[in-house]
Amino acid sequence: MKLSTAVIFCSLFLCVSSQNWLSFIKEAGQGTRDMWRAYRDMREANYKNSDKYFHARGNYDAARRGPGGAWAAKVISDAREAYPRITDFFLHGDSGHGLEDSRADQFANEWGRSGKDPNHFRPRGLPEKY
């Protein structure tokens, strides 16, 4: 599906007015960057038990951009959590593998998107840089 078709569909689906669709697209792009930054920081930090914090932080930052950012955060989070379950099913025949961790990640994602403080998930000792 072409990006323009996807944007139009999403705009119609979310009832974004014609005056605000450019704003929505801009927010979605900014939210995508926020999610990427959280992912990059998580990989860089490589800190034990910090996964949920970075999930919450990426969603929190993206959702603060506005409806487009919140939409991007949800789409990215849902896709990220669905991918391992799909591959596990086809590779191992086990659709429940990692399901508990995925649910915990989704809880952190929703926590951040709802505007709650991502520091709730921050592990003790994680460098202040993050």
Protein backbone atom coordinates (compact mmCIF):
# COMPACT_ATOMS: atom_id res chain seq x y z
CA MET A 1 0.00 0.00 0.00
CA LYS A 2 1.40 3.37 -0.93
CA LEU A 3 2.12 5.80 1.89
CA SER A 4 -0.32 8.38 0.48
CA THR A 5 -3.11 5.80 0.40
CA ALA A 6 -2.34 4.75 3.97
CA VAL A 7 -2.37 8.36 5.18
CA ILE A 8 -5.68 9.10 3.48
CA PHE A 9 -7.24 5.93 4.88
CA CYS A 10 -5.99 6.72 8.37
CA SER A 11 -7.20 10.30 8.09
CA LEU A 12 -10.67 9.16 7.10
CA PHE A 13 -10.74 6.39 9.66
CA LEU A 14 -9.75 8.73 12.48
CA CYS A 15 -12.06 11.47 11.22
CA VAL A 16 -9.22 13.94 10.89
CA SER A 17 -10.59 17.10 9.37
CA SER A 18 -9.14 18.39 6.12
CA GLN A 19 -7.62 21.33 7.98
CA ASN A 20 -5.71 19.06 10.35
CA TRP A 21 -4.47 16.22 8.18
CA LEU A 22 -1.10 17.89 7.54
CA SER A 23 -0.73 18.38 11.28
CA PHE A 24 -1.65 14.72 11.82
CA ILE A 25 1.01 13.58 9.34
CA LYS A 26 3.63 15.82 10.96
CA GLU A 27 2.76 14.51 14.43
CA ALA A 28 2.90 10.92 13.17
CA GLY A 29 6.38 11.52 11.76
CA GLN A 30 7.54 13.13 14.98
CA GLY A 31 6.01 10.30 17.01
CA THR A 32 7.78 7.75 14.83
CA ARG A 33 11.08 9.50 15.55
CA ASP A 34 10.28 9.47 19.28
CA MET A 35 9.67 5.73 19.14
CA TRP A 36 12.89 5.19 17.18
CA ARG A 37 14.85 7.28 19.71
CA ALA A 38 13.51 5.22 22.63
CA TYR A 39 14.40 2.00 20.80
CA ARG A 40 17.89 3.28 19.97
CA ASP A 41 18.43 4.38 23.58
CA MET A 42 17.25 1.00 24.86
CA ARG A 43 19.76 -0.79 22.62
CA GLU A 44 22.54 1.62 23.58
CA ALA A 45 21.83 1.41 27.32
CA ASN A 46 21.67 -2.39 27.21
CA TYR A 47 20.55 -2.22 30.83
CA LYS A 48 18.91 -5.11 32.65
CA ASN A 49 15.13 -4.74 33.24
CA SER A 50 14.88 -1.44 31.35
CA ASP A 51 12.70 -2.70 28.49
CA LYS A 52 9.39 -1.57 29.99
CA TYR A 53 10.78 1.88 30.78
CA PHE A 54 11.82 2.46 27.18
CA HIS A 55 8.48 1.16 25.91
CA ALA A 56 6.63 3.59 28.17
CA ARG A 57 8.97 6.48 27.37
CA GLY A 58 8.71 6.08 23.60
CA ASN A 59 4.92 5.94 23.73
CA TYR A 60 4.77 8.85 26.19
CA ASP A 61 6.97 11.09 24.02
CA ALA A 62 5.12 10.18 20.83
CA ALA A 63 1.64 10.67 22.31
CA ARG A 64 2.58 14.13 23.57
CA ARG A 65 2.95 15.18 19.92
CA GLY A 66 -0.80 14.91 19.45
CA PRO A 67 -3.24 12.49 17.80
CA GLY A 68 -0.82 11.66 14.99
CA GLY A 69 1.96 10.82 17.41
CA ALA A 70 -0.34 8.68 19.54
CA TRP A 71 -1.54 6.86 16.41
CA ALA A 72 2.06 6.20 15.28
CA ALA A 73 3.00 4.93 18.75
CA LYS A 74 0.06 2.53 18.81
CA VAL A 75 0.72 1.18 15.31
CA ILE A 76 4.43 0.71 15.97
CA SER A 77 3.86 -0.84 19.40
CA ASP A 78 1.21 -3.24 18.15
CA ALA A 79 3.37 -4.30 15.20
CA ARG A 80 6.41 -4.75 17.43
CA GLU A 81 4.52 -6.97 19.82
CA ALA A 82 2.77 -9.00 17.10
CA TYR A 83 5.93 -9.84 15.14
CA PRO A 84 7.54 -12.22 17.69
CA ARG A 85 4.27 -14.06 18.25
CA ILE A 86 3.76 -14.56 14.53
CA THR A 87 7.30 -15.79 13.92
CA ASP A 88 7.17 -18.08 16.96
CA PHE A 89 3.97 -19.62 15.67
CA PHE A 90 5.45 -20.39 12.27
CA LEU A 91 8.88 -21.44 13.53
CA HIS A 92 7.88 -23.35 16.65
CA GLY A 93 4.16 -23.93 16.35
CA ASP A 94 3.79 -22.10 19.67
CA SER A 95 1.58 -19.02 19.61
CA GLY A 96 1.88 -18.51 23.39
CA HIS A 97 5.66 -18.17 23.52
CA GLY A 98 6.56 -14.88 25.17
CA LEU A 99 2.92 -13.89 25.53
CA GLU A 100 3.30 -12.81 29.15
CA ASP A 101 6.24 -10.53 28.30
CA SER A 102 4.34 -9.14 25.34
CA ARG A 103 1.38 -8.30 27.57
CA ALA A 104 3.71 -6.54 30.02
CA ASP A 105 5.24 -4.57 27.15
CA GLN A 106 1.77 -3.57 25.92
CA PHE A 107 0.84 -2.48 29.44
CA ALA A 108 3.92 -0.22 29.48
CA ASN A 109 3.06 1.05 25.98
CA GLU A 110 -0.47 1.98 27.03
CA TRP A 111 0.82 3.50 30.28
CA GLY A 112 3.06 5.87 28.32
CA ARG A 113 0.46 6.69 25.66
CA SER A 114 -2.07 7.61 28.35
CA GLY A 115 0.29 10.32 29.64
CA LYS A 116 1.38 8.52 32.79
CA ASP A 117 4.98 8.99 33.94
CA PRO A 118 7.30 6.48 32.22
CA ASN A 119 9.67 6.70 35.20
CA HIS A 120 7.27 4.32 36.95
CA PHE A 121 9.11 1.58 35.01
CA ARG A 122 12.60 3.07 35.34
CA PRO A 123 15.02 0.52 36.84
CA ARG A 124 17.25 1.64 39.67
CA GLY A 125 20.71 2.55 38.43
CA LEU A 126 19.76 3.35 34.81
CA PRO A 127 22.05 6.24 33.81
CA GLU A 128 20.42 9.69 33.94
CA LYS A 129 21.25 10.11 30.23
CA TYR A 130 18.13 8.08 29.56
